[in-house]
């Protein structure tokens, strides 16, 4: 059974499931995407790993796992989403230590949070994409349309308009960024960081 490589397309807040987020993975050489509902902590952890410039004041659980693994020369080589049962995705970490390979079961959200930290590729099987994959079409209003199953039950918008910071100075934005990081509000911190980067680039 052939493996298909996936990339992280985005994370979006799910308005249909309180406290849940949709992690959307896309196949590297194709149009299909794989939406997976994950918890708030895992969504935050993945977002932090993707935002290289944002460092949490305290290490998160997945950061601790990475530090522990580095200390004992354990490498996560790849993540495989290998099963889908009743809407639940099952994953494995393919690890290596002293040239010995081990397979460890993991929740998909945890596996991907670790993959982002180890820069490990993410794969799934073709039959899982056939069953649960969808093709996203972004309209002018930036809404996600469903293809093979109820997308509206899983994810809202991937592309969200950034809040307006036109009336704030660069100094005020830096102050708000520091405060957002201190409060561990990394979603806001990422938006502020993007606005600061855009302004500094234009100056």
N, C-alpha and C. Protein backbone atom coordinates (compact mmCIF):
# COMPACT_ATOMS: atom_id res chain seq x y z
N UNK A 1 0.84 -1.19 0.00
CA UNK A 1 0.00 0.00 0.00
C UNK A 1 0.88 1.25 0.00
N UNK A 2 0.65 2.15 -0.93
CA UNK A 2 1.56 3.28 -1.12
C UNK A 2 1.35 4.37 -0.07
N UNK A 3 2.46 5.00 0.30
CA UNK A 3 2.43 6.12 1.24
C UNK A 3 2.37 7.43 0.48
N UNK A 4 1.66 8.40 1.04
CA UNK A 4 1.55 9.73 0.45
C UNK A 4 2.08 10.74 1.46
N UNK A 5 2.99 11.58 1.02
CA UNK A 5 3.56 12.57 1.94
C UNK A 5 2.61 13.76 2.09
N UNK A 6 2.53 14.28 3.32
CA UNK A 6 1.65 15.39 3.64
C UNK A 6 2.43 16.57 4.21
N UNK A 7 1.92 17.76 3.97
CA UNK A 7 2.42 18.97 4.60
C UNK A 7 1.31 19.59 5.45
N UNK A 8 1.70 20.41 6.41
CA UNK A 8 0.71 21.12 7.22
C UNK A 8 0.23 22.34 6.43
N UNK A 9 -1.07 22.37 6.13
CA UNK A 9 -1.63 23.49 5.37
C UNK A 9 -2.09 24.61 6.28
N UNK A 10 -2.64 24.26 7.43
CA UNK A 10 -3.08 25.30 8.35
C UNK A 10 -3.81 24.72 9.54
N UNK A 11 -4.06 25.58 10.51
CA UNK A 11 -4.83 25.21 11.69
C UNK A 11 -5.93 26.26 11.84
N UNK A 12 -7.14 25.81 12.05
CA UNK A 12 -8.26 26.74 12.15
C UNK A 12 -9.14 26.39 13.33
N UNK A 13 -9.70 27.41 13.97
CA UNK A 13 -10.61 27.18 15.08
C UNK A 13 -11.92 26.62 14.56
N UNK A 14 -12.41 25.60 15.20
CA UNK A 14 -13.68 24.98 14.80
C UNK A 14 -14.81 25.58 15.61
N UNK A 15 -15.72 26.27 14.93
CA UNK A 15 -16.86 26.88 15.61
C UNK A 15 -17.93 25.85 15.96
N UNK A 16 -17.86 24.67 15.34
CA UNK A 16 -18.88 23.65 15.59
C UNK A 16 -18.54 22.77 16.79
N UNK A 17 -17.27 22.75 17.19
CA UNK A 17 -16.86 21.95 18.35
C UNK A 17 -16.10 22.85 19.31
N UNK A 18 -16.69 23.11 20.44
CA UNK A 18 -16.11 24.04 21.41
C UNK A 18 -14.74 23.57 21.87
N UNK A 19 -13.76 24.47 21.80
CA UNK A 19 -12.42 24.16 22.26
C UNK A 19 -11.62 23.30 21.32
N UNK A 20 -12.16 22.99 20.14
CA UNK A 20 -11.46 22.13 19.19
C UNK A 20 -10.91 22.94 18.02
N UNK A 21 -9.90 22.39 17.39
CA UNK A 21 -9.28 23.00 16.23
C UNK A 21 -9.20 21.97 15.12
N UNK A 22 -9.12 22.45 13.90
CA UNK A 22 -8.95 21.56 12.76
C UNK A 22 -7.54 21.74 12.21
N UNK A 23 -6.78 20.67 12.23
CA UNK A 23 -5.47 20.64 11.60
C UNK A 23 -5.67 20.13 10.18
N UNK A 24 -5.27 20.91 9.20
CA UNK A 24 -5.49 20.53 7.80
C UNK A 24 -4.15 20.19 7.17
N UNK A 25 -4.03 18.94 6.73
CA UNK A 25 -2.82 18.46 6.06
C UNK A 25 -3.11 18.36 4.56
N UNK A 26 -2.13 18.65 3.74
CA UNK A 26 -2.33 18.56 2.29
C UNK A 26 -1.28 17.64 1.69
N UNK A 27 -1.68 16.87 0.68
CA UNK A 27 -0.72 15.98 0.03
C UNK A 27 0.26 16.82 -0.80
N UNK A 28 1.52 16.39 -0.80
CA UNK A 28 2.57 17.16 -1.45
C UNK A 28 2.37 17.21 -2.96
N UNK A 29 2.04 16.09 -3.56
CA UNK A 29 1.90 16.02 -5.02
C UNK A 29 0.45 15.80 -5.43
N UNK A 30 -0.44 16.62 -4.92
CA UNK A 30 -1.84 16.46 -5.25
C UNK A 30 -2.68 17.58 -4.65
N UNK A 31 -3.99 17.48 -4.81
CA UNK A 31 -4.90 18.53 -4.37
C UNK A 31 -5.67 18.17 -3.11
N UNK A 32 -5.60 16.92 -2.69
CA UNK A 32 -6.41 16.50 -1.55
C UNK A 32 -5.85 17.00 -0.23
N UNK A 33 -6.73 17.26 0.70
CA UNK A 33 -6.34 17.64 2.05
C UNK A 33 -6.99 16.69 3.04
N UNK A 34 -6.39 16.61 4.21
CA UNK A 34 -6.87 15.72 5.26
C UNK A 34 -7.11 16.56 6.52
N UNK A 35 -8.38 16.87 6.83
CA UNK A 35 -8.66 17.64 8.05
C UNK A 35 -8.78 16.72 9.26
N UNK A 36 -8.13 17.11 10.36
CA UNK A 36 -8.13 16.29 11.57
C UNK A 36 -8.46 17.19 12.76
N UNK A 37 -9.48 16.83 13.52
CA UNK A 37 -9.85 17.60 14.70
C UNK A 37 -8.88 17.30 15.83
N UNK A 38 -8.32 18.36 16.43
CA UNK A 38 -7.37 18.21 17.53
C UNK A 38 -7.75 19.16 18.66
N UNK A 39 -7.15 18.95 19.82
CA UNK A 39 -7.42 19.79 20.98
C UNK A 39 -6.67 21.11 20.93
N UNK A 40 -7.05 22.01 21.82
CA UNK A 40 -6.46 23.35 21.84
C UNK A 40 -4.97 23.31 22.18
N UNK A 41 -4.58 22.46 23.15
CA UNK A 41 -3.18 22.41 23.54
C UNK A 41 -2.31 21.93 22.38
N UNK A 42 -2.76 20.88 21.71
CA UNK A 42 -1.98 20.34 20.60
C UNK A 42 -1.92 21.34 19.44
N UNK A 43 -3.03 22.04 19.19
CA UNK A 43 -3.04 23.06 18.14
C UNK A 43 -2.04 24.16 18.45
N UNK A 44 -2.02 24.59 19.70
CA UNK A 44 -1.08 25.63 20.12
C UNK A 44 0.36 25.14 19.99
N UNK A 45 0.59 23.89 20.38
CA UNK A 45 1.94 23.33 20.33
C UNK A 45 2.45 23.25 18.89
N UNK A 46 1.59 22.83 17.97
CA UNK A 46 1.99 22.76 16.57
C UNK A 46 2.24 24.16 16.02
N UNK A 47 1.37 25.11 16.36
CA UNK A 47 1.52 26.48 15.88
C UNK A 47 2.83 27.09 16.36
N UNK A 48 3.18 26.82 17.61
CA UNK A 48 4.42 27.36 18.17
C UNK A 48 5.63 26.80 17.43
N UNK A 49 5.58 25.49 17.14
CA UNK A 49 6.70 24.87 16.44
C UNK A 49 6.87 25.43 15.03
N UNK A 50 5.76 25.83 14.42
CA UNK A 50 5.83 26.40 13.07
C UNK A 50 6.28 27.86 13.10
N UNK A 51 5.99 28.54 14.20
CA UNK A 51 6.38 29.96 14.33
C UNK A 51 7.75 30.02 15.00
N UNK A 52 8.79 29.99 14.20
CA UNK A 52 10.16 29.86 14.72
C UNK A 52 10.58 31.02 15.61
N UNK A 53 9.98 32.19 15.39
CA UNK A 53 10.43 33.38 16.13
C UNK A 53 9.76 33.52 17.49
N UNK A 54 8.79 32.67 17.79
CA UNK A 54 8.09 32.77 19.06
C UNK A 54 8.55 31.67 20.00
N UNK A 55 9.14 32.06 21.10
CA UNK A 55 9.64 31.10 22.08
C UNK A 55 8.80 31.21 23.35
N UNK A 56 8.16 30.11 23.77
CA UNK A 56 7.37 30.16 25.00
C UNK A 56 8.26 30.37 26.21
N UNK A 57 7.76 31.05 27.24
CA UNK A 57 8.58 31.29 28.43
C UNK A 57 8.92 30.00 29.17
N UNK A 58 8.07 28.98 29.02
CA UNK A 58 8.34 27.67 29.60
C UNK A 58 8.21 26.61 28.53
N UNK A 59 9.03 25.54 28.58
CA UNK A 59 8.94 24.51 27.55
C UNK A 59 7.61 23.76 27.63
N UNK A 60 7.00 23.56 26.49
CA UNK A 60 5.79 22.77 26.42
C UNK A 60 6.16 21.28 26.47
N UNK A 61 5.15 20.43 26.63
CA UNK A 61 5.39 18.99 26.75
C UNK A 61 6.15 18.44 25.55
N UNK A 62 5.78 18.87 24.35
CA UNK A 62 6.46 18.37 23.16
C UNK A 62 7.89 18.90 23.06
N UNK A 63 8.12 20.11 23.57
CA UNK A 63 9.50 20.63 23.62
C UNK A 63 10.34 19.79 24.58
N UNK A 64 9.75 19.42 25.70
CA UNK A 64 10.44 18.59 26.68
C UNK A 64 10.79 17.22 26.07
N UNK A 65 9.84 16.65 25.34
CA UNK A 65 10.09 15.36 24.68
C UNK A 65 11.26 15.49 23.70
N UNK A 66 11.30 16.60 22.95
CA UNK A 66 12.39 16.82 21.99
C UNK A 66 13.72 16.95 22.70
N UNK A 67 13.75 17.71 23.79
CA UNK A 67 15.00 17.87 24.55
C UNK A 67 15.45 16.53 25.13
N UNK A 68 14.52 15.78 25.67
CA UNK A 68 14.82 14.46 26.23
C UNK A 68 15.37 13.54 25.13
N UNK A 69 14.74 13.55 23.99
CA UNK A 69 15.17 12.68 22.89
C UNK A 69 16.56 13.07 22.39
N UNK A 70 16.81 14.37 22.28
CA UNK A 70 18.13 14.82 21.84
C UNK A 70 19.21 14.37 22.82
N UNK A 71 18.89 14.46 24.09
CA UNK A 71 19.88 14.10 25.11
C UNK A 71 20.28 12.62 25.02
N UNK A 72 19.32 11.78 24.64
CA UNK A 72 19.59 10.34 24.58
C UNK A 72 19.66 9.82 23.14
N UNK A 73 19.92 10.74 22.21
CA UNK A 73 20.17 10.39 20.81
C UNK A 73 19.04 9.58 20.18
N UNK A 74 17.82 10.00 20.47
CA UNK A 74 16.65 9.39 19.86
C UNK A 74 16.14 10.33 18.76
N UNK A 75 15.91 9.79 17.59
CA UNK A 75 15.47 10.60 16.45
C UNK A 75 14.10 10.12 16.00
N UNK A 76 13.18 11.05 15.80
CA UNK A 76 11.91 10.73 15.15
C UNK A 76 12.13 10.91 13.65
N UNK A 77 12.16 9.80 12.91
CA UNK A 77 12.48 9.84 11.48
C UNK A 77 11.28 10.21 10.62
N UNK A 78 10.11 9.72 11.01
CA UNK A 78 8.90 10.05 10.25
C UNK A 78 7.66 9.71 11.06
N UNK A 79 6.56 10.28 10.62
CA UNK A 79 5.25 10.01 11.23
C UNK A 79 4.36 9.41 10.16
N UNK A 80 3.64 8.35 10.51
CA UNK A 80 2.72 7.73 9.57
C UNK A 80 1.32 7.68 10.19
N UNK A 81 0.38 8.32 9.52
CA UNK A 81 -1.04 8.20 9.90
C UNK A 81 -1.53 6.93 9.22
N UNK A 82 -1.69 5.87 10.00
CA UNK A 82 -1.83 4.55 9.39
C UNK A 82 -3.24 3.96 9.45
N UNK A 83 -4.15 4.60 10.21
CA UNK A 83 -5.47 4.00 10.34
C UNK A 83 -6.52 5.07 10.62
N UNK A 84 -7.73 4.84 10.13
CA UNK A 84 -8.87 5.71 10.39
C UNK A 84 -10.06 4.82 10.76
N UNK A 85 -10.51 4.96 12.01
CA UNK A 85 -11.62 4.14 12.50
C UNK A 85 -12.63 5.06 13.18
N UNK A 86 -13.87 5.05 12.67
CA UNK A 86 -14.95 5.86 13.25
C UNK A 86 -14.56 7.33 13.41
N UNK A 87 -13.87 7.86 12.41
CA UNK A 87 -13.49 9.27 12.43
C UNK A 87 -12.25 9.59 13.24
N UNK A 88 -11.62 8.57 13.83
CA UNK A 88 -10.42 8.77 14.65
C UNK A 88 -9.20 8.30 13.86
N UNK A 89 -8.20 9.18 13.76
CA UNK A 89 -6.96 8.85 13.06
C UNK A 89 -5.95 8.26 14.05
N UNK A 90 -5.25 7.21 13.61
CA UNK A 90 -4.22 6.57 14.43
C UNK A 90 -2.87 6.76 13.75
N UNK A 91 -1.86 7.06 14.55
CA UNK A 91 -0.54 7.35 13.98
C UNK A 91 0.57 6.60 14.69
N UNK A 92 1.71 6.54 14.02
CA UNK A 92 2.91 5.91 14.58
C UNK A 92 4.10 6.83 14.39
N UNK A 93 4.97 6.84 15.38
CA UNK A 93 6.26 7.50 15.27
C UNK A 93 7.30 6.45 14.88
N UNK A 94 8.03 6.72 13.81
CA UNK A 94 9.13 5.83 13.43
C UNK A 94 10.39 6.46 14.01
N UNK A 95 10.94 5.83 15.04
CA UNK A 95 12.07 6.39 15.79
C UNK A 95 13.33 5.54 15.58
N UNK A 96 14.45 6.17 15.84
CA UNK A 96 15.72 5.46 15.74
C UNK A 96 16.63 5.87 16.87
N UNK A 97 17.26 4.87 17.49
CA UNK A 97 18.24 5.11 18.55
C UNK A 97 19.35 4.07 18.41
N UNK A 98 20.58 4.55 18.28
CA UNK A 98 21.74 3.66 18.09
C UNK A 98 21.52 2.71 16.92
N UNK A 99 20.98 3.26 15.84
CA UNK A 99 20.75 2.53 14.58
C UNK A 99 19.70 1.43 14.71
N UNK A 100 18.94 1.45 15.80
CA UNK A 100 17.84 0.50 15.98
C UNK A 100 16.53 1.26 15.81
N UNK A 101 15.70 0.77 14.91
CA UNK A 101 14.44 1.45 14.61
C UNK A 101 13.30 0.87 15.44
N UNK A 102 12.48 1.76 15.98
CA UNK A 102 11.33 1.36 16.78
C UNK A 102 10.08 2.09 16.26
N UNK A 103 8.94 1.44 16.40
CA UNK A 103 7.66 2.05 16.03
C UNK A 103 6.85 2.27 17.30
N UNK A 104 6.42 3.52 17.52
CA UNK A 104 5.70 3.88 18.74
C UNK A 104 4.34 4.45 18.36
N UNK A 105 3.29 3.91 18.97
CA UNK A 105 1.95 4.44 18.74
C UNK A 105 1.81 5.82 19.37
N UNK A 106 1.06 6.70 18.72
CA UNK A 106 0.86 8.05 19.24
C UNK A 106 -0.45 8.61 18.72
N UNK A 107 -1.02 9.54 19.48
CA UNK A 107 -2.14 10.29 18.94
C UNK A 107 -1.63 11.11 17.76
N UNK A 108 -2.46 11.28 16.77
CA UNK A 108 -2.03 12.00 15.57
C UNK A 108 -1.60 13.43 15.89
N UNK A 109 -2.31 14.10 16.78
CA UNK A 109 -1.96 15.48 17.12
C UNK A 109 -0.58 15.54 17.78
N UNK A 110 -0.30 14.59 18.68
CA UNK A 110 1.01 14.55 19.32
C UNK A 110 2.10 14.20 18.32
N UNK A 111 1.80 13.24 17.45
CA UNK A 111 2.78 12.82 16.46
C UNK A 111 3.18 13.97 15.56
N UNK A 112 2.21 14.78 15.15
CA UNK A 112 2.52 15.89 14.25
C UNK A 112 3.22 17.02 14.99
N UNK A 113 2.85 17.23 16.25
CA UNK A 113 3.56 18.24 17.06
C UNK A 113 5.03 17.87 17.19
N UNK A 114 5.32 16.58 17.30
CA UNK A 114 6.71 16.12 17.38
C UNK A 114 7.38 16.18 16.02
N UNK A 115 6.64 15.83 14.97
CA UNK A 115 7.22 15.87 13.62
C UNK A 115 7.71 17.28 13.28
N UNK A 116 6.95 18.30 13.69
CA UNK A 116 7.36 19.67 13.41
C UNK A 116 8.67 20.02 14.12
N UNK A 117 8.88 19.45 15.29
CA UNK A 117 10.09 19.74 16.06
C UNK A 117 11.30 18.95 15.56
N UNK A 118 11.07 17.75 15.07
CA UNK A 118 12.16 16.93 14.55
C UNK A 118 12.37 17.14 13.05
N UNK A 119 11.52 18.01 12.47
CA UNK A 119 11.56 18.21 11.00
C UNK A 119 11.40 16.87 10.28
N UNK A 120 10.53 16.03 10.82
CA UNK A 120 10.30 14.71 10.25
C UNK A 120 9.14 14.76 9.26
N UNK A 121 9.23 14.02 8.17
CA UNK A 121 8.13 14.01 7.19
C UNK A 121 6.90 13.29 7.75
N UNK A 122 5.73 13.69 7.24
CA UNK A 122 4.45 13.11 7.65
C UNK A 122 3.86 12.37 6.46
N UNK A 123 3.42 11.14 6.69
CA UNK A 123 2.85 10.33 5.62
C UNK A 123 1.50 9.75 6.04
N UNK A 124 0.71 9.40 5.05
CA UNK A 124 -0.48 8.58 5.29
C UNK A 124 -0.60 7.63 4.12
N UNK A 125 -1.53 6.67 4.24
CA UNK A 125 -1.72 5.71 3.17
C UNK A 125 -2.76 6.23 2.17
N UNK A 126 -2.61 5.79 0.94
CA UNK A 126 -3.49 6.21 -0.14
C UNK A 126 -4.96 5.92 0.18
N UNK A 127 -5.22 4.78 0.81
CA UNK A 127 -6.62 4.43 1.09
C UNK A 127 -7.26 5.36 2.12
N UNK A 128 -6.44 5.92 3.03
CA UNK A 128 -6.98 6.88 4.00
C UNK A 128 -7.33 8.18 3.32
N UNK A 129 -6.49 8.63 2.39
CA UNK A 129 -6.80 9.84 1.63
C UNK A 129 -8.02 9.63 0.74
N UNK A 130 -8.14 8.42 0.19
CA UNK A 130 -9.32 8.12 -0.63
C UNK A 130 -10.60 8.21 0.20
N UNK A 131 -10.50 7.78 1.45
CA UNK A 131 -11.67 7.72 2.32
C UNK A 131 -11.99 9.08 2.96
N UNK A 132 -10.97 9.79 3.40
CA UNK A 132 -11.21 11.01 4.19
C UNK A 132 -10.68 12.28 3.55
N UNK A 133 -9.97 12.15 2.45
CA UNK A 133 -9.41 13.33 1.81
C UNK A 133 -10.47 14.16 1.11
N UNK A 134 -10.27 15.46 1.09
CA UNK A 134 -11.18 16.37 0.40
C UNK A 134 -10.36 17.35 -0.44
N UNK A 135 -11.01 18.00 -1.36
CA UNK A 135 -10.36 19.03 -2.16
C UNK A 135 -10.94 20.37 -1.75
N UNK A 136 -10.09 21.26 -1.28
CA UNK A 136 -10.53 22.58 -0.82
C UNK A 136 -10.56 23.57 -1.98
N UNK A 137 -11.59 24.40 -2.00
CA UNK A 137 -11.69 25.48 -2.97
C UNK A 137 -11.93 26.76 -2.19
N UNK A 138 -10.97 27.66 -2.22
CA UNK A 138 -11.08 28.93 -1.49
C UNK A 138 -11.81 29.94 -2.37
N UNK A 139 -12.99 30.36 -1.96
CA UNK A 139 -13.75 31.37 -2.70
C UNK A 139 -13.33 32.77 -2.26
N UNK A 140 -13.95 33.78 -2.86
CA UNK A 140 -13.61 35.16 -2.53
C UNK A 140 -13.82 35.44 -1.06
N UNK A 141 -14.84 34.83 -0.46
CA UNK A 141 -15.10 35.08 0.95
C UNK A 141 -14.26 34.18 1.84
N UNK A 142 -13.31 33.47 1.22
CA UNK A 142 -12.36 32.64 1.97
C UNK A 142 -13.05 31.56 2.78
N UNK A 143 -14.09 30.98 2.26
CA UNK A 143 -14.78 29.88 2.93
C UNK A 143 -14.30 28.56 2.36
N UNK A 144 -14.33 27.55 3.20
CA UNK A 144 -13.93 26.22 2.76
C UNK A 144 -15.16 25.42 2.35
N UNK A 145 -15.15 24.91 1.14
CA UNK A 145 -16.26 24.09 0.67
C UNK A 145 -15.98 22.63 0.96
N UNK A 146 -17.03 21.87 1.14
CA UNK A 146 -16.85 20.45 1.37
C UNK A 146 -16.74 19.71 0.05
N UNK A 147 -16.06 18.54 0.10
CA UNK A 147 -15.97 17.71 -1.09
C UNK A 147 -16.51 16.32 -0.79
N UNK A 148 -15.78 15.54 0.00
CA UNK A 148 -16.21 14.17 0.24
C UNK A 148 -16.94 13.97 1.55
N UNK A 149 -16.67 14.83 2.55
CA UNK A 149 -17.51 14.74 3.74
C UNK A 149 -17.70 16.10 4.36
N UNK A 150 -18.48 16.17 5.44
CA UNK A 150 -18.99 17.44 5.96
C UNK A 150 -17.87 18.34 6.49
N UNK A 151 -17.35 19.16 5.60
CA UNK A 151 -16.26 20.04 5.98
C UNK A 151 -16.70 21.05 7.02
N UNK A 152 -17.96 21.51 6.93
CA UNK A 152 -18.41 22.53 7.88
C UNK A 152 -18.43 22.02 9.31
N UNK A 153 -18.46 20.71 9.50
CA UNK A 153 -18.43 20.15 10.84
C UNK A 153 -17.02 20.05 11.39
N UNK A 154 -16.03 20.27 10.52
CA UNK A 154 -14.65 20.06 10.93
C UNK A 154 -13.82 21.33 11.02
N UNK A 155 -14.11 22.27 10.13
CA UNK A 155 -13.20 23.41 10.04
C UNK A 155 -13.95 24.63 9.54
N UNK A 156 -13.55 25.80 10.01
CA UNK A 156 -14.15 27.03 9.51
C UNK A 156 -13.24 27.59 8.42
N UNK A 157 -12.70 28.74 8.62
CA UNK A 157 -11.83 29.32 7.60
C UNK A 157 -10.38 28.98 7.88
N UNK A 158 -9.64 28.63 6.83
CA UNK A 158 -8.19 28.51 6.96
C UNK A 158 -7.56 29.88 6.82
N UNK A 159 -8.07 30.64 5.87
CA UNK A 159 -7.52 31.98 5.66
C UNK A 159 -8.38 32.97 6.42
N UNK A 160 -7.83 33.55 7.46
CA UNK A 160 -8.56 34.52 8.26
C UNK A 160 -7.92 35.89 8.08
N UNK A 161 -8.74 36.90 8.02
CA UNK A 161 -8.20 38.25 7.90
C UNK A 161 -7.54 38.66 9.21
N UNK A 162 -6.36 39.22 9.09
CA UNK A 162 -5.65 39.68 10.28
C UNK A 162 -6.36 40.89 10.86
N UNK A 163 -6.34 41.04 12.18
CA UNK A 163 -6.95 42.23 12.78
C UNK A 163 -6.24 43.49 12.32
N UNK A 164 -6.94 44.59 12.33
CA UNK A 164 -6.36 45.84 11.86
C UNK A 164 -5.48 46.46 12.93
N UNK A 165 -4.24 46.75 12.54
CA UNK A 165 -3.30 47.39 13.45
C UNK A 165 -2.85 48.74 12.90
N UNK A 166 -3.66 49.31 11.99
CA UNK A 166 -3.24 50.53 11.30
C UNK A 166 -3.00 51.69 12.24
N UNK A 167 -3.78 51.76 13.32
CA UNK A 167 -3.68 52.90 14.22
C UNK A 167 -2.64 52.72 15.32
N UNK A 168 -1.93 51.61 15.30
CA UNK A 168 -0.93 51.34 16.34
C UNK A 168 0.47 51.60 15.81
N UNK A 169 1.32 52.13 16.67
CA UNK A 169 2.70 52.37 16.28
C UNK A 169 3.49 51.07 16.39
N UNK A 170 4.68 51.08 15.80
CA UNK A 170 5.55 49.91 15.85
C UNK A 170 5.94 49.59 17.29
N UNK A 171 6.15 50.63 18.08
CA UNK A 171 6.51 50.44 19.49
C UNK A 171 5.36 49.76 20.25
N UNK A 172 4.14 50.21 19.95
CA UNK A 172 2.96 49.61 20.61
C UNK A 172 2.79 48.15 20.21
N UNK A 173 3.08 47.86 18.95
CA UNK A 173 2.96 46.48 18.48
C UNK A 173 3.98 45.58 19.17
N UNK A 174 5.21 46.06 19.31
CA UNK A 174 6.25 45.29 20.02
C UNK A 174 5.84 45.03 21.47
N UNK A 175 5.25 46.03 22.09
CA UNK A 175 4.80 45.88 23.48
C UNK A 175 3.69 44.84 23.58
N UNK A 176 2.74 44.90 22.63
CA UNK A 176 1.65 43.92 22.63
C UNK A 176 2.16 42.51 22.34
N UNK A 177 3.19 42.41 21.48
CA UNK A 177 3.78 41.11 21.19
C UNK A 177 4.41 40.50 22.44
N UNK A 178 5.17 41.32 23.17
CA UNK A 178 5.79 40.84 24.42
C UNK A 178 4.72 40.39 25.41
N UNK A 179 3.63 41.15 25.48
CA UNK A 179 2.55 40.82 26.41
C UNK A 179 1.85 39.53 25.99
N UNK A 180 1.65 39.36 24.68
CA UNK A 180 0.98 38.15 24.19
C UNK A 180 1.82 36.91 24.48
N UNK A 181 3.13 37.01 24.29
CA UNK A 181 4.01 35.87 24.58
C UNK A 181 4.02 35.57 26.07
N UNK A 182 4.07 36.63 26.90
CA UNK A 182 4.04 36.44 28.35
C UNK A 182 2.75 35.76 28.80
N UNK A 183 1.64 36.09 28.11
CA UNK A 183 0.34 35.48 28.43
C UNK A 183 0.13 34.13 27.75
N UNK A 184 1.15 33.72 26.97
CA UNK A 184 1.10 32.45 26.23
C UNK A 184 -0.05 32.42 25.23
N UNK A 185 -0.39 33.60 24.68
CA UNK A 185 -1.40 33.70 23.62
C UNK A 185 -0.64 33.74 22.30
N UNK A 186 -0.27 32.56 21.82
CA UNK A 186 0.64 32.49 20.68
C UNK A 186 -0.04 32.77 19.35
N UNK A 187 -1.35 32.57 19.29
CA UNK A 187 -2.07 32.90 18.06
C UNK A 187 -2.02 34.41 17.83
N UNK A 188 -2.29 35.20 18.89
CA UNK A 188 -2.20 36.65 18.79
C UNK A 188 -0.76 37.09 18.53
N UNK A 189 0.18 36.43 19.21
CA UNK A 189 1.59 36.77 19.03
C UNK A 189 2.03 36.58 17.58
N UNK A 190 1.55 35.53 16.95
CA UNK A 190 1.92 35.27 15.56
C UNK A 190 1.39 36.37 14.65
N UNK A 191 0.15 36.82 14.89
CA UNK A 191 -0.43 37.88 14.07
C UNK A 191 0.32 39.19 14.26
N UNK A 192 0.67 39.49 15.52
CA UNK A 192 1.43 40.72 15.80
C UNK A 192 2.81 40.65 15.16
N UNK A 193 3.44 39.47 15.26
CA UNK A 193 4.77 39.29 14.67
C UNK A 193 4.73 39.53 13.15
N UNK A 194 3.67 39.02 12.50
CA UNK A 194 3.54 39.19 11.05
C UNK A 194 3.37 40.66 10.68
N UNK A 195 2.57 41.39 11.48
CA UNK A 195 2.36 42.81 11.22
C UNK A 195 3.66 43.60 11.41
N UNK A 196 4.40 43.27 12.46
CA UNK A 196 5.68 43.94 12.71
C UNK A 196 6.67 43.67 11.57
N UNK A 197 6.74 42.40 11.14
CA UNK A 197 7.66 42.03 10.06
C UNK A 197 7.30 42.76 8.77
N UNK A 198 6.00 42.89 8.49
CA UNK A 198 5.55 43.56 7.28
C UNK A 198 5.94 45.03 7.30
N UNK A 199 5.76 45.66 8.47
CA UNK A 199 6.10 47.10 8.56
C UNK A 199 7.61 47.33 8.46
N UNK A 200 8.36 46.49 9.15
CA UNK A 200 9.83 46.67 9.14
C UNK A 200 10.40 46.43 7.76
N UNK A 201 9.76 45.53 7.00
CA UNK A 201 10.22 45.24 5.65
C UNK A 201 9.95 46.41 4.72
N UNK A 202 8.83 47.10 4.96
CA UNK A 202 8.45 48.23 4.11
C UNK A 202 9.18 49.52 4.43
N UNK A 203 9.79 49.55 5.62
CA UNK A 203 10.51 50.78 6.04
C UNK A 203 11.90 50.84 5.41
